[in-house]
Amino acid sequence: MSHDNRAIITEFAEIFYHQRDVKRAFDKFVAGAAYIQHNPTIGDGAQAAIEALAEKFGHPNANFEIKKILVDGDLAVVHVRAFPKGGAEAAVADFYRLQNGKIVEHWDVLQVVPGSAVNNNTMF
């Protein structure tokens, strides 16, 4: 069976980052207990991620803007601008591995946007 990983990750990202509905995104697109998490602050399994992220993403001060989505076979990267009201702006790269139409693995990298830069380029 063939799966459209670009469509899957695009819909997941819309629900997860823009609608900020962590539970719905994970219930629909993540492989439940088989989900492997590489962020050292969150346990394995979809439920652990929901518990760690739902309140943070659902907070009224949370804001996320999807900048890029890259898909190569079973791997996807979502580049996100995180800009919480009253908090530090950050550039986030979330890496996902998909299998049989579900997200089965996650890695992330986060960099706080500095107040100044030695060039005129933005981080986005």
PDB file of N, CA and C in Angstrom:
ATOM      1  N   MET A   1       0.842  -1.190   0.000  1.00  0.00           N
ATOM      2  CA  MET A   1       0.000   0.000   0.000  1.00  0.00           C
ATOM      3  C   MET A   1       0.885   1.250   0.000  1.00  0.00           C
ATOM      4  N   SER A   2       0.613   2.173  -0.870  1.00  0.00           N
ATOM      5  CA  SER A   2       1.393   3.404  -0.980  1.00  0.00           C
ATOM      6  C   SER A   2       0.728   4.523  -0.179  1.00  0.00           C
ATOM      7  N   HIS A   3       1.571   5.306   0.482  1.00  0.00           N
ATOM      8  CA  HIS A   3       1.066   6.423   1.278  1.00  0.00           C
ATOM      9  C   HIS A   3       1.689   7.713   0.775  1.00  0.00           C
ATOM     10  N   ASP A   4       0.922   8.786   0.773  1.00  0.00           N
ATOM     11  CA  ASP A   4       1.402  10.100   0.368  1.00  0.00           C
ATOM     12  C   ASP A   4       1.965  10.800   1.607  1.00  0.00           C
ATOM     13  N   ASN A   5       3.261  10.579   1.861  1.00  0.00           N
ATOM     14  CA  ASN A   5       3.874  11.129   3.071  1.00  0.00           C
ATOM     15  C   ASN A   5       3.832  12.653   3.108  1.00  0.00           C
ATOM     16  N   ARG A   6       3.900  13.306   1.944  1.00  0.00           N
ATOM     17  CA  ARG A   6       3.798  14.771   1.931  1.00  0.00           C
ATOM     18  C   ARG A   6       2.421  15.219   2.419  1.00  0.00           C
ATOM     19  N   ALA A   7       1.366  14.588   1.947  1.00  0.00           N
ATOM     20  CA  ALA A   7       0.011  14.942   2.381  1.00  0.00           C
ATOM     21  C   ALA A   7      -0.168  14.651   3.871  1.00  0.00           C
ATOM     22  N   ILE A   8       0.355  13.523   4.327  1.00  0.00           N
ATOM     23  CA  ILE A   8       0.235  13.155   5.742  1.00  0.00           C
ATOM     24  C   ILE A   8       0.933  14.181   6.621  1.00  0.00           C
ATOM     25  N   ILE A   9       2.181  14.499   6.321  1.00  0.00           N
ATOM     26  CA  ILE A   9       2.942  15.411   7.190  1.00  0.00           C
ATOM     27  C   ILE A   9       2.394  16.832   7.084  1.00  0.00           C
ATOM     28  N   THR A  10       1.878  17.224   5.931  1.00  0.00           N
ATOM     29  CA  THR A  10       1.301  18.562   5.771  1.00  0.00           C
ATOM     30  C   THR A  10       0.043  18.713   6.620  1.00  0.00           C
ATOM     31  N   GLU A  11      -0.829  17.711   6.604  1.00  0.00           N
ATOM     32  CA  GLU A  11      -2.035  17.786   7.423  1.00  0.00           C
ATOM     33  C   GLU A  11      -1.698  17.690   8.914  1.00  0.00           C
ATOM     34  N   PHE A  12      -0.777  16.802   9.261  1.00  0.00           N
ATOM     35  CA  PHE A  12      -0.329  16.703  10.651  1.00  0.00           C
ATOM     36  C   PHE A  12       0.189  18.060  11.131  1.00  0.00           C
ATOM     37  N   ALA A  13       1.052  18.701  10.331  1.00  0.00           N
ATOM     38  CA  ALA A  13       1.652  19.979  10.711  1.00  0.00           C
ATOM     39  C   ALA A  13       0.593  21.063  10.887  1.00  0.00           C
ATOM     40  N   GLU A  14      -0.391  21.104  10.010  1.00  0.00           N
ATOM     41  CA  GLU A  14      -1.465  22.101  10.122  1.00  0.00           C
ATOM     42  C   GLU A  14      -2.217  21.937  11.446  1.00  0.00           C
ATOM     43  N   ILE A  15      -2.571  20.707  11.773  1.00  0.00           N
ATOM     44  CA  ILE A  15      -3.315  20.460  13.015  1.00  0.00           C
ATOM     45  C   ILE A  15      -2.428  20.698  14.233  1.00  0.00           C
ATOM     46  N   PHE A  16      -1.202  20.230  14.178  1.00  0.00           N
ATOM     47  CA  PHE A  16      -0.286  20.294  15.318  1.00  0.00           C
ATOM     48  C   PHE A  16       0.207  21.720  15.592  1.00  0.00           C
ATOM     49  N   TYR A  17       0.740  22.399  14.585  1.00  0.00           N
ATOM     50  CA  TYR A  17       1.364  23.715  14.799  1.00  0.00           C
ATOM     51  C   TYR A  17       0.378  24.879  14.680  1.00  0.00           C
ATOM     52  N   HIS A  18      -0.451  24.883  13.657  1.00  0.00           N
ATOM     53  CA  HIS A  18      -1.339  26.030  13.451  1.00  0.00           C
ATOM     54  C   HIS A  18      -2.615  25.938  14.282  1.00  0.00           C
ATOM     55  N   GLN A  19      -3.267  24.780  14.262  1.00  0.00           N
ATOM     56  CA  GLN A  19      -4.481  24.619  15.075  1.00  0.00           C
ATOM     57  C   GLN A  19      -4.123  24.326  16.533  1.00  0.00           C
ATOM     58  N   ARG A  20      -2.908  23.918  16.776  1.00  0.00           N
ATOM     59  CA  ARG A  20      -2.356  23.637  18.112  1.00  0.00           C
ATOM     60  C   ARG A  20      -3.178  22.568  18.850  1.00  0.00           C
ATOM     61  N   ASP A  21      -3.673  21.599  18.085  1.00  0.00           N
ATOM     62  CA  ASP A  21      -4.466  20.514  18.652  1.00  0.00           C
ATOM     63  C   ASP A  21      -3.600  19.245  18.674  1.00  0.00           C
ATOM     64  N   VAL A  22      -2.758  19.164  19.695  1.00  0.00           N
ATOM     65  CA  VAL A  22      -1.779  18.090  19.798  1.00  0.00           C
ATOM     66  C   VAL A  22      -2.456  16.720  19.810  1.00  0.00           C
ATOM     67  N   LYS A  23      -3.476  16.557  20.619  1.00  0.00           N
ATOM     68  CA  LYS A  23      -4.134  15.253  20.754  1.00  0.00           C
ATOM     69  C   LYS A  23      -4.723  14.795  19.431  1.00  0.00           C
ATOM     70  N   ARG A  24      -5.423  15.655  18.743  1.00  0.00           N
ATOM     71  CA  ARG A  24      -6.037  15.270  17.464  1.00  0.00           C
ATOM     72  C   ARG A  24      -4.970  14.913  16.429  1.00  0.00           C
ATOM     73  N   ALA A  25      -3.893  15.707  16.371  1.00  0.00           N
ATOM     74  CA  ALA A  25      -2.811  15.427  15.420  1.00  0.00           C
ATOM     75  C   ALA A  25      -2.175  14.071  15.709  1.00  0.00           C
ATOM     76  N   PHE A  26      -1.906  13.812  16.985  1.00  0.00           N
ATOM     77  CA  PHE A  26      -1.265  12.543  17.347  1.00  0.00           C
ATOM     78  C   PHE A  26      -2.216  11.365  17.186  1.00  0.00           C
ATOM     79  N   ASP A  27      -3.463  11.529  17.578  1.00  0.00           N
ATOM     80  CA  ASP A  27      -4.430  10.439  17.430  1.00  0.00           C
ATOM     81  C   ASP A  27      -4.594  10.038  15.963  1.00  0.00           C
ATOM     82  N   LYS A  28      -4.541  11.007  15.065  1.00  0.00           N
ATOM     83  CA  LYS A  28      -4.780  10.735  13.652  1.00  0.00           C
ATOM     84  C   LYS A  28      -3.540  10.245  12.905  1.00  0.00           C
ATOM     85  N   PHE A  29      -2.350  10.755  13.277  1.00  0.00           N
ATOM     86  CA  PHE A  29      -1.179  10.535  12.432  1.00  0.00           C
ATOM     87  C   PHE A  29      -0.001   9.825  13.083  1.00  0.00           C
ATOM     88  N   VAL A  30      -0.029   9.563  14.376  1.00  0.00           N
ATOM     89  CA  VAL A  30       1.129   8.994  15.053  1.00  0.00           C
ATOM     90  C   VAL A  30       0.843   7.546  15.453  1.00  0.00           C
ATOM     91  N   ALA A  31       1.869   6.718  15.407  1.00  0.00           N
ATOM     92  CA  ALA A  31       1.752   5.273  15.590  1.00  0.00           C
ATOM     93  C   ALA A  31       1.645   4.835  17.050  1.00  0.00           C
ATOM     94  N   GLY A  32       0.900   5.554  17.847  1.00  0.00           N
ATOM     95  CA  GLY A  32       0.586   5.136  19.212  1.00  0.00           C
ATOM     96  C   GLY A  32       1.792   4.749  20.039  1.00  0.00           C
ATOM     97  N   ALA A  33       1.724   3.575  20.669  1.00  0.00           N
ATOM     98  CA  ALA A  33       2.779   3.117  21.575  1.00  0.00           C
ATOM     99  C   ALA A  33       4.091   2.845  20.842  1.00  0.00           C
ATOM    100  N   ALA A  34       4.051   2.636  19.530  1.00  0.00           N
ATOM    101  CA  ALA A  34       5.253   2.350  18.751  1.00  0.00           C
ATOM    102  C   ALA A  34       6.081   3.598  18.434  1.00  0.00           C
ATOM    103  N   TYR A  35       5.563   4.784  18.755  1.00  0.00           N
ATOM    104  CA  TYR A  35       6.222   6.061  18.443  1.00  0.00           C
ATOM    105  C   TYR A  35       7.518   6.189  19.241  1.00  0.00           C
ATOM    106  N   ILE A  36       8.625   6.407  18.532  1.00  0.00           N
ATOM    107  CA  ILE A  36       9.943   6.548  19.142  1.00  0.00           C
ATOM    108  C   ILE A  36      10.281   8.031  19.240  1.00  0.00           C
ATOM    109  N   GLN A  37      10.628   8.479  20.424  1.00  0.00           N
ATOM    110  CA  GLN A  37      10.881   9.894  20.697  1.00  0.00           C
ATOM    111  C   GLN A  37      12.356  10.093  21.035  1.00  0.00           C
ATOM    112  N   HIS A  38      13.023  11.014  20.332  1.00  0.00           N
ATOM    113  CA  HIS A  38      14.436  11.295  20.584  1.00  0.00           C
ATOM    114  C   HIS A  38      14.648  12.564  21.399  1.00  0.00           C
ATOM    115  N   ASN A  39      13.598  13.328  21.653  1.00  0.00           N
ATOM    116  CA  ASN A  39      13.722  14.474  22.556  1.00  0.00           C
ATOM    117  C   ASN A  39      13.918  13.901  23.965  1.00  0.00           C
ATOM    118  N   PRO A  40      15.015  14.264  24.654  1.00  0.00           N
ATOM    119  CA  PRO A  40      15.317  13.645  25.945  1.00  0.00           C
ATOM    120  C   PRO A  40      14.372  14.039  27.079  1.00  0.00           C
ATOM    121  N   THR A  41      13.462  14.976  26.830  1.00  0.00           N
ATOM    122  CA  THR A  41      12.539  15.403  27.890  1.00  0.00           C
ATOM    123  C   THR A  41      11.158  14.769  27.769  1.00  0.00           C
ATOM    124  N   ILE A  42      10.962  13.915  26.744  1.00  0.00           N
ATOM    125  CA  ILE A  42       9.656  13.304  26.485  1.00  0.00           C
ATOM    126  C   ILE A  42       9.853  11.802  26.314  1.00  0.00           C
ATOM    127  N   GLY A  43       8.968  11.015  26.914  1.00  0.00           N
ATOM    128  CA  GLY A  43       9.054   9.564  26.798  1.00  0.00           C
ATOM    129  C   GLY A  43       8.587   9.064  25.445  1.00  0.00           C
ATOM    130  N   ASP A  44       8.832   7.779  25.196  1.00  0.00           N
ATOM    131  CA  ASP A  44       8.351   7.132  23.981  1.00  0.00           C
ATOM    132  C   ASP A  44       6.828   6.984  24.039  1.00  0.00           C
ATOM    133  N   GLY A  45       6.234   6.796  22.874  1.00  0.00           N
ATOM    134  CA  GLY A  45       4.793   6.593  22.774  1.00  0.00           C
ATOM    135  C   GLY A  45       4.057   7.902  22.562  1.00  0.00           C
ATOM    136  N   ALA A  46       2.990   7.834  21.783  1.00  0.00           N
ATOM    137  CA  ALA A  46       2.201   9.029  21.462  1.00  0.00           C
ATOM    138  C   ALA A  46       1.616   9.674  22.713  1.00  0.00           C
ATOM    139  N   GLN A  47       1.156   8.874  23.670  1.00  0.00           N
ATOM    140  CA  GLN A  47       0.520   9.426  24.867  1.00  0.00           C
ATOM    141  C   GLN A  47       1.493  10.297  25.669  1.00  0.00           C
ATOM    142  N   ALA A  48       2.738   9.876  25.761  1.00  0.00           N
ATOM    143  CA  ALA A  48       3.745  10.673  26.482  1.00  0.00           C
ATOM    144  C   ALA A  48       3.942  12.032  25.809  1.00  0.00           C
ATOM    145  N   ALA A  49       3.952  12.053  24.479  1.00  0.00           N
ATOM    146  CA  ALA A  49       4.109  13.315  23.743  1.00  0.00           C
ATOM    147  C   ALA A  49       2.885  14.206  23.926  1.00  0.00           C
ATOM    148  N   ILE A  50       1.697  13.610  23.870  1.00  0.00           N
ATOM    149  CA  ILE A  50       0.477  14.386  24.078  1.00  0.00           C
ATOM    150  C   ILE A  50       0.510  15.037  25.456  1.00  0.00           C
ATOM    151  N   GLU A  51       0.858  14.253  26.474  1.00  0.00           N
ATOM    152  CA  GLU A  51       0.905  14.781  27.838  1.00  0.00           C
ATOM    153  C   GLU A  51       1.956  15.878  27.995  1.00  0.00           C
ATOM    154  N   ALA A  52       3.087  15.755  27.306  1.00  0.00           N
ATOM    155  CA  ALA A  52       4.159  16.743  27.413  1.00  0.00           C
ATOM    156  C   ALA A  52       3.872  18.015  26.617  1.00  0.00           C
ATOM    157  N   LEU A  53       3.131  17.902  25.530  1.00  0.00           N
ATOM    158  CA  LEU A  53       2.999  19.024  24.594  1.00  0.00           C
ATOM    159  C   LEU A  53       1.635  19.697  24.550  1.00  0.00           C
ATOM    160  N   ALA A  54       0.570  19.027  24.930  1.00  0.00           N
ATOM    161  CA  ALA A  54      -0.785  19.572  24.753  1.00  0.00           C
ATOM    162  C   ALA A  54      -0.973  20.915  25.448  1.00  0.00           C
ATOM    163  N   GLU A  55      -0.563  21.027  26.695  1.00  0.00           N
ATOM    164  CA  GLU A  55      -0.751  22.282  27.419  1.00  0.00           C
ATOM    165  C   GLU A  55       0.130  23.385  26.846  1.00  0.00           C
ATOM    166  N   LYS A  56       1.372  23.043  26.517  1.00  0.00           N
ATOM    167  CA  LYS A  56       2.318  24.013  25.951  1.00  0.00           C
ATOM    168  C   LYS A  56       1.814  24.562  24.612  1.00  0.00           C
ATOM    169  N   PHE A  57       1.380  23.667  23.717  1.00  0.00           N
ATOM    170  CA  PHE A  57       0.911  24.092  22.396  1.00  0.00           C
ATOM    171  C   PHE A  57      -0.458  24.747  22.468  1.00  0.00           C
ATOM    172  N   GLY A  58      -1.283  24.329  23.407  1.00  0.00           N
ATOM    173  CA  GLY A  58      -2.619  24.877  23.538  1.00  0.00           C
ATOM    174  C   GLY A  58      -2.690  26.188  24.285  1.00  0.00           C
ATOM    175  N   HIS A  59      -1.572  26.607  24.882  1.00  0.00           N
ATOM    176  CA  HIS A  59      -1.555  27.851  25.660  1.00  0.00           C
ATOM    177  C   HIS A  59      -1.861  29.039  24.751  1.00  0.00           C
ATOM    178  N   PRO A  60      -2.672  29.999  25.226  1.00  0.00           N
ATOM    179  CA  PRO A  60      -3.040  31.145  24.378  1.00  0.00           C
ATOM    180  C   PRO A  60      -1.846  31.979  23.915  1.00  0.00           C
ATOM    181  N   ASN A  61      -0.730  31.918  24.624  1.00  0.00           N
ATOM    182  CA  ASN A  61       0.450  32.692  24.227  1.00  0.00           C
ATOM    183  C   ASN A  61       1.317  31.978  23.195  1.00  0.00           C
ATOM    184  N   ALA A  62       1.011  30.722  22.907  1.00  0.00           N
ATOM    185  CA  ALA A  62       1.820  29.942  21.958  1.00  0.00           C
ATOM    186  C   ALA A  62       1.481  30.341  20.523  1.00  0.00           C
ATOM    187  N   ASN A  63       2.512  30.531  19.728  1.00  0.00           N
ATOM    188  CA  ASN A  63       2.336  30.854  18.309  1.00  0.00           C
ATOM    189  C   ASN A  63       3.384  30.108  17.504  1.00  0.00           C
ATOM    190  N   PHE A  64       2.944  29.487  16.422  1.00  0.00           N
ATOM    191  CA  PHE A  64       3.840  28.730  15.559  1.00  0.00           C
ATOM    192  C   PHE A  64       3.519  29.055  14.112  1.00  0.00           C
ATOM    193  N   GLU A  65       4.562  29.197  13.318  1.00  0.00           N
ATOM    194  CA  GLU A  65       4.399  29.461  11.894  1.00  0.00           C
ATOM    195  C   GLU A  65       5.242  28.452  11.126  1.00  0.00           C
ATOM    196  N   ILE A  66       4.610  27.649  10.310  1.00  0.00           N
ATOM    197  CA  ILE A  66       5.335  26.686   9.487  1.00  0.00           C
ATOM    198  C   ILE A  66       6.029  27.456   8.363  1.00  0.00           C
ATOM    199  N   LYS A  67       7.342  27.304   8.278  1.00  0.00           N
ATOM    200  CA  LYS A  67       8.113  28.002   7.252  1.00  0.00           C
ATOM    201  C   LYS A  67       8.416  27.103   6.053  1.00  0.00           C
ATOM    202  N   LYS A  68       8.759  25.831   6.327  1.00  0.00           N
ATOM    203  CA  LYS A  68       9.091  24.901   5.246  1.00  0.00           C
ATOM    204  C   LYS A  68       8.702  23.491   5.668  1.00  0.00           C
ATOM    205  N   ILE A  69       8.294  22.694   4.703  1.00  0.00           N
ATOM    206  CA  ILE A  69       8.101  21.266   4.905  1.00  0.00           C
ATOM    207  C   ILE A  69       8.873  20.565   3.791  1.00  0.00           C
ATOM    208  N   LEU A  70       9.783  19.702   4.186  1.00  0.00           N
ATOM    209  CA  LEU A  70      10.586  18.935   3.246  1.00  0.00           C
ATOM    210  C   LEU A  70      10.292  17.463   3.465  1.00  0.00           C
ATOM    211  N   VAL A  71      10.058  16.729   2.379  1.00  0.00           N
ATOM    212  CA  VAL A  71       9.766  15.296   2.478  1.00  0.00           C
ATOM    213  C   VAL A  71      10.670  14.568   1.494  1.00  0.00           C
ATOM    214  N   ASP A  72      11.325  13.532   1.987  1.00  0.00           N
ATOM    215  CA  ASP A  72      12.176  12.688   1.159  1.00  0.00           C
ATOM    216  C   ASP A  72      11.904  11.241   1.556  1.00  0.00           C
ATOM    217  N   GLY A  73      11.095  10.565   0.768  1.00  0.00           N
ATOM    218  CA  GLY A  73      10.746   9.180   1.074  1.00  0.00           C
ATOM    219  C   GLY A  73       9.980   9.090   2.380  1.00  0.00           C
ATOM    220  N   ASP A  74      10.545   8.347   3.348  1.00  0.00           N
ATOM    221  CA  ASP A  74       9.867   8.168   4.632  1.00  0.00           C
ATOM    222  C   ASP A  74      10.308   9.177   5.684  1.00  0.00           C
ATOM    223  N   LEU A  75      11.109  10.176   5.288  1.00  0.00           N
ATOM    224  CA  LEU A  75      11.570  11.213   6.223  1.00  0.00           C
ATOM    225  C   LEU A  75      10.974  12.561   5.869  1.00  0.00           C
ATOM    226  N   ALA A  76      10.657  13.337   6.910  1.00  0.00           N
ATOM    227  CA  ALA A  76      10.101  14.675   6.705  1.00  0.00           C
ATOM    228  C   ALA A  76      10.710  15.623   7.728  1.00  0.00           C
ATOM    229  N   VAL A  77      10.862  16.883   7.327  1.00  0.00           N
ATOM    230  CA  VAL A  77      11.328  17.932   8.223  1.00  0.00           C
ATOM    231  C   VAL A  77      10.333  19.081   8.145  1.00  0.00           C
ATOM    232  N   VAL A  78       9.936  19.573   9.312  1.00  0.00           N
ATOM    233  CA  VAL A  78       9.078  20.748   9.384  1.00  0.00           C
ATOM    234  C   VAL A  78       9.892  21.835  10.076  1.00  0.00           C
ATOM    235  N   HIS A  79      10.148  22.920   9.354  1.00  0.00           N
ATOM    236  CA  HIS A  79      10.892  24.076   9.884  1.00  0.00           C
ATOM    237  C   HIS A  79       9.860  25.072  10.398  1.00  0.00           C
ATOM    238  N   VAL A  80       9.956  25.415  11.666  1.00  0.00           N
ATOM    239  CA  VAL A  80       8.917  26.193  12.339  1.00  0.00           C
ATOM    240  C   VAL A  80       9.507  27.415  13.031  1.00  0.00           C
ATOM    241  N   ARG A  81       8.787  28.507  12.928  1.00  0.00           N
ATOM    242  CA  ARG A  81       9.075  29.699  13.729  1.00  0.00           C
ATOM    243  C   ARG A  81       8.155  29.640  14.941  1.00  0.00           C
ATOM    244  N   ALA A  82       8.752  29.543  16.122  1.00  0.00           N
ATOM    245  CA  ALA A  82       7.995  29.547  17.374  1.00  0.00           C
ATOM    246  C   ALA A  82       8.176  30.919  18.004  1.00  0.00           C
ATOM    247  N   PHE A  83       7.059  31.610  18.250  1.00  0.00           N
ATOM    248  CA  PHE A  83       7.167  32.964  18.802  1.00  0.00           C
ATOM    249  C   PHE A  83       6.095  33.181  19.856  1.00  0.00           C
ATOM    250  N   PRO A  84       6.347  32.673  21.055  1.00  0.00           N
ATOM    251  CA  PRO A  84       5.375  32.839  22.139  1.00  0.00           C
ATOM    252  C   PRO A  84       5.280  34.293  22.580  1.00  0.00           C
ATOM    253  N   LYS A  85       4.049  34.740  22.876  1.00  0.00           N
ATOM    254  CA  LYS A  85       3.881  36.096  23.416  1.00  0.00           C
ATOM    255  C   LYS A  85       4.599  36.164  24.753  1.00  0.00           C
ATOM    256  N   GLY A  86       5.518  37.103  24.880  1.00  0.00           N
ATOM    257  CA  GLY A  86       6.259  37.267  26.119  1.00  0.00           C
ATOM    258  C   GLY A  86       7.420  36.308  26.277  1.00  0.00           C
ATOM    259  N   GLY A  87       7.721  35.512  25.256  1.00  0.00           N
ATOM    260  CA  GLY A  87       8.811  34.542  25.340  1.00  0.00           C
ATOM    261  C   GLY A  87       9.817  34.726  24.224  1.00  0.00           C
ATOM    262  N   ALA A  88      10.858  33.922  24.241  1.00  0.00           N
ATOM    263  CA  ALA A  88      11.920  34.003  23.241  1.00  0.00           C
ATOM    264  C   ALA A  88      11.491  33.343  21.937  1.00  0.00           C
ATOM    265  N   GLU A  89      11.716  34.032  20.835  1.00  0.00           N
ATOM    266  CA  GLU A  89      11.455  33.473  19.502  1.00  0.00           C
ATOM    267  C   GLU A  89      12.501  32.399  19.220  1.00  0.00           C
ATOM    268  N   ALA A  90      12.105  31.324  18.549  1.00  0.00           N
ATOM    269  CA  ALA A  90      13.038  30.248  18.250  1.00  0.00           C
ATOM    270  C   ALA A  90      12.773  29.673  16.870  1.00  0.00           C
ATOM    271  N   ALA A  91      13.841  29.141  16.291  1.00  0.00           N
ATOM    272  CA  ALA A  91      13.745  28.367  15.062  1.00  0.00           C
ATOM    273  C   ALA A  91      13.780  26.903  15.464  1.00  0.00           C
ATOM    274  N   VAL A  92      12.814  26.137  14.972  1.00  0.00           N
ATOM    275  CA  VAL A  92      12.704  24.724  15.329  1.00  0.00           C
ATOM    276  C   VAL A  92      12.702  23.896  14.048  1.00  0.00           C
ATOM    277  N   ALA A  93      13.446  22.800  14.069  1.00  0.00           N
ATOM    278  CA  ALA A  93      13.384  21.815  12.991  1.00  0.00           C
ATOM    279  C   ALA A  93      12.942  20.501  13.616  1.00  0.00           C
ATOM    280  N   ASP A  94      11.756  20.050  13.243  1.00  0.00           N
ATOM    281  CA  ASP A  94      11.240  18.770  13.700  1.00  0.00           C
ATOM    282  C   ASP A  94      11.413  17.762  12.571  1.00  0.00           C
ATOM    283  N   PHE A  95      12.098  16.672  12.864  1.00  0.00           N
ATOM    284  CA  PHE A  95      12.339  15.603  11.908  1.00  0.00           C
ATOM    285  C   PHE A  95      11.424  14.439  12.256  1.00  0.00           C
ATOM    286  N   TYR A  96      10.770  13.881  11.259  1.00  0.00           N
ATOM    287  CA  TYR A  96       9.849  12.772  11.459  1.00  0.00           C
ATOM    288  C   TYR A  96      10.194  11.640  10.506  1.00  0.00           C
ATOM    289  N   ARG A  97       9.992  10.405  10.975  1.00  0.00           N
ATOM    290  CA  ARG A  97      10.068   9.233  10.097  1.00  0.00           C
ATOM    291  C   ARG A  97       8.683   8.618  10.044  1.00  0.00           C
ATOM    292  N   LEU A  98       8.228   8.315   8.841  1.00  0.00           N
ATOM    293  CA  LEU A  98       6.912   7.724   8.644  1.00  0.00           C
ATOM    294  C   LEU A  98       7.051   6.279   8.184  1.00  0.00           C
ATOM    295  N   GLN A  99       6.062   5.486   8.563  1.00  0.00           N
ATOM    296  CA  GLN A  99       6.020   4.091   8.142  1.00  0.00           C
ATOM    297  C   GLN A  99       4.555   3.675   8.039  1.00  0.00           C
ATOM    298  N   ASN A 100       4.181   3.127   6.904  1.00  0.00           N
ATOM    299  CA  ASN A 100       2.804   2.666   6.684  1.00  0.00           C
ATOM    300  C   ASN A 100       1.766   3.752   6.984  1.00  0.00           C
ATOM    301  N   GLY A 101       2.061   4.997   6.594  1.00  0.00           N
ATOM    302  CA  GLY A 101       1.099   6.085   6.733  1.00  0.00           C
ATOM    303  C   GLY A 101       1.025   6.714   8.107  1.00  0.00           C
ATOM    304  N   LYS A 102       1.932   6.340   9.011  1.00  0.00           N
ATOM    305  CA  LYS A 102       1.940   6.890  10.376  1.00  0.00           C
ATOM    306  C   LYS A 102       3.330   7.431  10.716  1.00  0.00           C
ATOM    307  N   ILE A 103       3.358   8.446  11.570  1.00  0.00           N
ATOM    308  CA  ILE A 103       4.628   8.959  12.093  1.00  0.00           C
ATOM    309  C   ILE A 103       5.083   7.996  13.182  1.00  0.00           C
ATOM    310  N   VAL A 104       6.301   7.475  13.037  1.00  0.00           N
ATOM    311  CA  VAL A 104       6.800   6.470  13.975  1.00  0.00           C
ATOM    312  C   VAL A 104       8.025   6.928  14.759  1.00  0.00           C
ATOM    313  N   GLU A 105       8.615   8.081  14.365  1.00  0.00           N
ATOM    314  CA  GLU A 105       9.832   8.518  15.049  1.00  0.00           C
ATOM    315  C   GLU A 105       9.990  10.032  14.902  1.00  0.00           C
ATOM    316  N   HIS A 106      10.601  10.653  15.920  1.00  0.00           N
ATOM    317  CA  HIS A 106      10.751  12.114  15.950  1.00  0.00           C
ATOM    318  C   HIS A 106      12.083  12.535  16.571  1.00  0.00           C
ATOM    319  N   TRP A 107      12.702  13.535  15.950  1.00  0.00           N
ATOM    320  CA  TRP A 107      13.882  14.219  16.482  1.00  0.00           C
ATOM    321  C   TRP A 107      13.587  15.708  16.373  1.00  0.00           C
ATOM    322  N   ASP A 108      14.191  16.541  17.220  1.00  0.00           N
ATOM    323  CA  ASP A 108      14.026  17.986  17.065  1.00  0.00           C
ATOM    324  C   ASP A 108      15.299  18.735  17.417  1.00  0.00           C
ATOM    325  N   VAL A 109      15.396  19.923  16.800  1.00  0.00           N
ATOM    326  CA  VAL A 109      16.507  20.841  17.040  1.00  0.00           C
ATOM    327  C   VAL A 109      15.885  22.220  17.216  1.00  0.00           C
ATOM    328  N   LEU A 110      16.313  22.949  18.251  1.00  0.00           N
ATOM    329  CA  LEU A 110      15.755  24.269  18.540  1.00  0.00           C
ATOM    330  C   LEU A 110      16.896  25.261  18.739  1.00  0.00           C
ATOM    331  N   GLN A 111      16.759  26.440  18.143  1.00  0.00           N
ATOM    332  CA  GLN A 111      17.745  27.498  18.313  1.00  0.00           C
ATOM    333  C   GLN A 111      17.007  28.803  18.591  1.00  0.00           C
ATOM    334  N   VAL A 112      17.323  29.433  19.710  1.00  0.00           N
ATOM    335  CA  VAL A 112      16.725  30.723  20.050  1.00  0.00           C
ATOM    336  C   VAL A 112      17.235  31.766  19.061  1.00  0.00           C
ATOM    337  N   VAL A 113      16.342  32.614  18.582  1.00  0.00           N
ATOM    338  CA  VAL A 113      16.711  33.682  17.654  1.00  0.00           C
ATOM    339  C   VAL A 113      17.426  34.770  18.452  1.00  0.00           C
ATOM    340  N   PRO A 114      18.673  35.081  18.099  1.00  0.00           N
ATOM    341  CA  PRO A 114      19.409  36.105  18.846  1.00  0.00           C
ATOM    342  C   PRO A 114      18.905  37.513  18.536  1.00  0.00           C
ATOM    343  N   GLY A 115      19.254  38.456  19.392  1.00  0.00           N
ATOM    344  CA  GLY A 115      18.851  39.838  19.206  1.00  0.00           C
ATOM    345  C   GLY A 115      19.526  40.531  18.041  1.00  0.00           C
ATOM    346  N   SER A 116      20.684  40.034  17.645  1.00  0.00           N
ATOM    347  CA  SER A 116      21.406  40.620  16.514  1.00  0.00           C
ATOM    348  C   SER A 116      22.177  39.530  15.802  1.00  0.00           C
ATOM    349  N   ALA A 117      22.606  39.831  14.585  1.00  0.00           N
ATOM    350  CA  ALA A 117      23.357  38.878  13.787  1.00  0.00           C
ATOM    351  C   ALA A 117      24.485  39.598  13.069  1.00  0.00           C
ATOM    352  N   VAL A 118      25.501  38.853  12.651  1.00  0.00           N
ATOM    353  CA  VAL A 118      26.621  39.458  11.934  1.00  0.00           C
ATOM    354  C   VAL A 118      26.327  39.576  10.437  1.00  0.00           C
ATOM    355  N   ASN A 119      25.152  39.121  10.004  1.00  0.00           N
ATOM    356  CA  ASN A 119      24.730  39.284   8.616  1.00  0.00           C
ATOM    357  C   ASN A 119      23.311  39.845   8.593  1.00  0.00           C
ATOM    358  N   ASN A 120      22.812  40.137   7.418  1.00  0.00           N
ATOM    359  CA  ASN A 120      21.470  40.709   7.289  1.00  0.00           C
ATOM    360  C   ASN A 120      20.405  39.664   6.974  1.00  0.00           C
ATOM    361  N   ASN A 121      20.732  38.399   7.111  1.00  0.00           N
ATOM    362  CA  ASN A 121      19.793  37.323   6.803  1.00  0.00           C
ATOM    363  C   ASN A 121      18.973  36.991   8.036  1.00  0.00           C
ATOM    364  N   THR A 122      17.749  36.580   7.828  1.00  0.00           N
ATOM    365  CA  THR A 122      16.952  36.118   8.961  1.00  0.00           C
ATOM    366  C   THR A 122      17.166  34.613   9.120  1.00  0.00           C
ATOM    367  N   MET A 123      16.675  34.045  10.208  1.00  0.00           N
ATOM    368  CA  MET A 123      16.782  32.606  10.413  1.00  0.00           C
ATOM    369  C   MET A 123      15.672  31.869   9.666  1.00  0.00           C
ATOM    370  N   PHE A 124      14.804  32.617   8.983  1.00  0.00           N
ATOM    371  CA  PHE A 124      13.693  31.991   8.276  1.00  0.00           C
ATOM    372  C   PHE A 124      13.695  32.383   6.816  1.00  0.00           C
TER     373      PHE A 124
END
